[in-house]
């Protein structure tokens, strides 16, 4: 049995490591200079903001689903809502 989600996370970690090595010319295990607790704290603050942003979209989508029961019309509205 294979867990595709775990495998995807492992692949993301490998790619992130490669990017970090190229960018900083060191590995995480070799780097003893950075303030990793502060980095972690800042990343967690960013993550909380990203999560809150995504959570704020859910009620808007639920409201659109209630207002537009026709799937085709709903699809057009949702596409417009998320248009870049």
N, C-alpha and C. Protein backbone atom coordinates (compact mmCIF):
# COMPACT_ATOMS: atom_id res chain seq x y z
N UNK A 1 0.85 -1.18 0.00
CA UNK A 1 0.00 0.00 0.00
C UNK A 1 0.89 1.24 0.00
N UNK A 2 0.49 2.26 -0.78
CA UNK A 2 1.26 3.51 -0.87
C UNK A 2 0.37 4.68 -0.51
N UNK A 3 0.95 5.64 0.17
CA UNK A 3 0.23 6.86 0.52
C UNK A 3 0.68 7.97 -0.43
N UNK A 4 -0.16 8.28 -1.39
CA UNK A 4 0.19 9.27 -2.42
C UNK A 4 0.40 10.66 -1.83
N UNK A 5 -0.34 10.99 -0.77
CA UNK A 5 -0.19 12.30 -0.15
C UNK A 5 1.20 12.42 0.48
N UNK A 6 1.59 11.41 1.24
CA UNK A 6 2.91 11.42 1.88
C UNK A 6 4.01 11.46 0.83
N UNK A 7 3.85 10.69 -0.24
CA UNK A 7 4.85 10.71 -1.31
C UNK A 7 4.95 12.09 -1.95
N UNK A 8 3.82 12.77 -2.12
CA UNK A 8 3.83 14.12 -2.69
C UNK A 8 4.54 15.10 -1.76
N UNK A 9 4.31 14.96 -0.45
CA UNK A 9 4.99 15.83 0.52
C UNK A 9 6.49 15.57 0.50
N UNK A 10 6.89 14.32 0.44
CA UNK A 10 8.32 13.98 0.37
C UNK A 10 8.95 14.61 -0.87
N UNK A 11 8.27 14.53 -1.99
CA UNK A 11 8.78 15.14 -3.22
C UNK A 11 8.89 16.66 -3.07
N UNK A 12 7.89 17.29 -2.45
CA UNK A 12 7.95 18.74 -2.20
C UNK A 12 9.14 19.09 -1.33
N UNK A 13 9.39 18.28 -0.29
CA UNK A 13 10.54 18.52 0.59
C UNK A 13 11.86 18.41 -0.17
N UNK A 14 11.96 17.42 -1.03
CA UNK A 14 13.18 17.26 -1.83
C UNK A 14 13.40 18.47 -2.74
N UNK A 15 12.35 18.92 -3.41
CA UNK A 15 12.46 20.07 -4.30
C UNK A 15 12.80 21.34 -3.52
N UNK A 16 12.17 21.49 -2.35
CA UNK A 16 12.46 22.67 -1.51
C UNK A 16 13.92 22.65 -1.05
N UNK A 17 14.42 21.49 -0.69
CA UNK A 17 15.82 21.36 -0.28
C UNK A 17 16.74 21.76 -1.43
N UNK A 18 16.46 21.27 -2.61
CA UNK A 18 17.29 21.62 -3.78
C UNK A 18 17.29 23.12 -4.03
N UNK A 19 16.11 23.75 -3.93
CA UNK A 19 16.02 25.21 -4.13
C UNK A 19 16.83 25.94 -3.06
N UNK A 20 16.73 25.48 -1.80
CA UNK A 20 17.46 26.12 -0.71
C UNK A 20 18.96 26.00 -0.88
N UNK A 21 19.42 24.84 -1.30
CA UNK A 21 20.86 24.64 -1.52
C UNK A 21 21.36 25.57 -2.62
N UNK A 22 20.59 25.69 -3.70
CA UNK A 22 20.98 26.59 -4.79
C UNK A 22 20.98 28.05 -4.33
N UNK A 23 19.95 28.42 -3.56
CA UNK A 23 19.80 29.81 -3.15
C UNK A 23 20.83 30.22 -2.10
N UNK A 24 21.05 29.37 -1.09
CA UNK A 24 21.89 29.73 0.05
C UNK A 24 23.27 29.07 0.03
N UNK A 25 23.49 28.18 -0.93
CA UNK A 25 24.78 27.50 -1.09
C UNK A 25 25.18 26.74 0.18
N UNK A 26 24.19 26.18 0.86
CA UNK A 26 24.43 25.35 2.04
C UNK A 26 23.21 24.46 2.26
N UNK A 27 23.38 23.46 3.08
CA UNK A 27 22.24 22.61 3.45
C UNK A 27 21.73 23.06 4.81
N UNK A 28 20.53 22.65 5.12
CA UNK A 28 19.96 22.97 6.43
C UNK A 28 20.80 22.34 7.55
N UNK A 29 21.28 21.13 7.33
CA UNK A 29 22.08 20.46 8.38
C UNK A 29 23.42 21.14 8.60
N UNK A 30 23.95 21.81 7.59
CA UNK A 30 25.25 22.48 7.72
C UNK A 30 25.11 23.91 8.25
N UNK A 31 23.92 24.49 8.14
CA UNK A 31 23.72 25.89 8.51
C UNK A 31 23.44 25.99 10.02
N UNK A 32 24.37 26.57 10.74
CA UNK A 32 24.20 26.77 12.18
C UNK A 32 24.19 28.25 12.54
N UNK A 33 23.99 29.10 11.54
CA UNK A 33 24.09 30.54 11.76
C UNK A 33 22.73 31.22 11.89
N UNK A 34 21.72 30.69 11.25
CA UNK A 34 20.42 31.35 11.23
C UNK A 34 19.64 31.14 12.52
N UNK A 35 18.71 32.04 12.77
CA UNK A 35 17.81 31.95 13.91
C UNK A 35 16.56 31.18 13.47
N UNK A 36 16.65 29.86 13.56
CA UNK A 36 15.59 29.02 13.02
C UNK A 36 14.28 29.14 13.77
N UNK A 37 14.33 29.41 15.07
CA UNK A 37 13.08 29.59 15.81
C UNK A 37 12.35 30.83 15.31
N UNK A 38 13.07 31.90 15.05
CA UNK A 38 12.44 33.10 14.52
C UNK A 38 11.90 32.86 13.12
N UNK A 39 12.68 32.15 12.29
CA UNK A 39 12.19 31.81 10.95
C UNK A 39 10.90 31.00 11.03
N UNK A 40 10.90 30.02 11.92
CA UNK A 40 9.71 29.18 12.09
C UNK A 40 8.52 30.02 12.52
N UNK A 41 8.72 30.88 13.51
CA UNK A 41 7.65 31.74 13.99
C UNK A 41 7.08 32.59 12.86
N UNK A 42 7.95 33.21 12.08
CA UNK A 42 7.50 34.05 10.96
C UNK A 42 6.75 33.22 9.92
N UNK A 43 7.24 32.03 9.62
CA UNK A 43 6.56 31.16 8.66
C UNK A 43 5.19 30.73 9.17
N UNK A 44 5.09 30.46 10.47
CA UNK A 44 3.80 30.08 11.05
C UNK A 44 2.82 31.24 11.02
N UNK A 45 3.32 32.45 11.24
CA UNK A 45 2.45 33.62 11.11
C UNK A 45 1.94 33.74 9.69
N UNK A 46 2.82 33.57 8.71
CA UNK A 46 2.40 33.59 7.31
C UNK A 46 1.37 32.51 7.04
N UNK A 47 1.64 31.30 7.54
CA UNK A 47 0.72 30.18 7.32
C UNK A 47 -0.66 30.48 7.92
N UNK A 48 -0.69 31.08 9.10
CA UNK A 48 -1.97 31.44 9.72
C UNK A 48 -2.73 32.42 8.85
N UNK A 49 -2.02 33.37 8.27
CA UNK A 49 -2.68 34.34 7.39
C UNK A 49 -3.20 33.67 6.12
N UNK A 50 -2.41 32.79 5.53
CA UNK A 50 -2.85 32.08 4.33
C UNK A 50 -4.08 31.23 4.64
N UNK A 51 -4.07 30.57 5.78
CA UNK A 51 -5.19 29.73 6.19
C UNK A 51 -6.44 30.58 6.38
N UNK A 52 -6.32 31.71 7.07
CA UNK A 52 -7.46 32.60 7.31
C UNK A 52 -8.01 33.11 5.98
N UNK A 53 -7.14 33.45 5.05
CA UNK A 53 -7.57 33.91 3.73
C UNK A 53 -8.41 32.83 3.04
N UNK A 54 -7.90 31.60 3.02
CA UNK A 54 -8.64 30.50 2.38
C UNK A 54 -9.95 30.22 3.11
N UNK A 55 -9.92 30.29 4.45
CA UNK A 55 -11.15 30.07 5.22
C UNK A 55 -12.19 31.14 4.92
N UNK A 56 -11.75 32.35 4.61
CA UNK A 56 -12.69 33.44 4.32
C UNK A 56 -13.43 33.22 3.00
N UNK A 57 -12.86 32.40 2.14
CA UNK A 57 -13.48 32.14 0.84
C UNK A 57 -14.63 31.15 0.97
N UNK A 58 -14.57 30.25 1.93
CA UNK A 58 -15.58 29.20 2.07
C UNK A 58 -16.99 29.76 2.21
N UNK A 59 -17.26 30.72 3.11
CA UNK A 59 -18.62 31.25 3.21
C UNK A 59 -19.10 31.91 1.91
N UNK A 60 -18.19 32.58 1.23
CA UNK A 60 -18.56 33.21 -0.04
C UNK A 60 -18.97 32.16 -1.07
N UNK A 61 -18.22 31.05 -1.13
CA UNK A 61 -18.57 29.98 -2.05
C UNK A 61 -19.89 29.31 -1.66
N UNK A 62 -20.09 29.09 -0.36
CA UNK A 62 -21.34 28.50 0.09
C UNK A 62 -22.53 29.38 -0.28
N UNK A 63 -22.36 30.68 -0.14
CA UNK A 63 -23.43 31.62 -0.49
C UNK A 63 -23.71 31.58 -1.99
N UNK A 64 -22.66 31.49 -2.80
CA UNK A 64 -22.85 31.39 -4.25
C UNK A 64 -23.57 30.10 -4.62
N UNK A 65 -23.23 29.01 -3.96
CA UNK A 65 -23.89 27.73 -4.23
C UNK A 65 -25.38 27.82 -3.94
N UNK A 66 -25.74 28.49 -2.85
CA UNK A 66 -27.16 28.66 -2.51
C UNK A 66 -27.87 29.58 -3.51
N UNK A 67 -27.19 30.63 -3.94
CA UNK A 67 -27.81 31.60 -4.85
C UNK A 67 -27.93 31.08 -6.27
N UNK A 68 -27.03 30.20 -6.70
CA UNK A 68 -27.01 29.74 -8.09
C UNK A 68 -27.08 28.21 -8.13
N UNK A 69 -28.29 27.64 -8.03
CA UNK A 69 -28.41 26.19 -8.02
C UNK A 69 -28.08 25.54 -9.38
N UNK A 70 -28.12 26.33 -10.44
CA UNK A 70 -27.78 25.81 -11.76
C UNK A 70 -26.26 25.70 -11.86
N UNK A 71 -25.76 24.46 -12.08
CA UNK A 71 -24.31 24.23 -12.07
C UNK A 71 -23.57 25.03 -13.12
N UNK A 72 -24.15 25.18 -14.29
CA UNK A 72 -23.47 25.91 -15.35
C UNK A 72 -23.33 27.38 -14.98
N UNK A 73 -24.40 27.95 -14.48
CA UNK A 73 -24.36 29.35 -14.06
C UNK A 73 -23.41 29.52 -12.87
N UNK A 74 -23.47 28.59 -11.94
CA UNK A 74 -22.58 28.63 -10.78
C UNK A 74 -21.13 28.58 -11.23
N UNK A 75 -20.83 27.69 -12.18
CA UNK A 75 -19.46 27.58 -12.68
C UNK A 75 -18.96 28.89 -13.26
N UNK A 76 -19.81 29.57 -14.02
CA UNK A 76 -19.41 30.85 -14.60
C UNK A 76 -19.15 31.89 -13.51
N UNK A 77 -20.00 31.90 -12.51
CA UNK A 77 -19.85 32.86 -11.41
C UNK A 77 -18.56 32.56 -10.62
N UNK A 78 -18.32 31.29 -10.33
CA UNK A 78 -17.12 30.91 -9.58
C UNK A 78 -15.86 31.25 -10.37
N UNK A 79 -15.88 30.98 -11.68
CA UNK A 79 -14.73 31.34 -12.51
C UNK A 79 -14.48 32.85 -12.46
N UNK A 80 -15.53 33.64 -12.50
CA UNK A 80 -15.39 35.09 -12.43
C UNK A 80 -14.86 35.52 -11.06
N UNK A 81 -15.33 34.86 -10.02
CA UNK A 81 -14.92 35.14 -8.64
C UNK A 81 -13.42 34.93 -8.46
N UNK A 82 -12.89 33.90 -9.09
CA UNK A 82 -11.48 33.55 -8.94
C UNK A 82 -10.61 34.02 -10.10
N UNK A 83 -11.16 34.84 -10.97
CA UNK A 83 -10.40 35.32 -12.12
C UNK A 83 -9.18 36.10 -11.66
N UNK A 84 -8.08 35.80 -12.31
CA UNK A 84 -6.81 36.48 -11.95
C UNK A 84 -6.63 37.73 -12.75
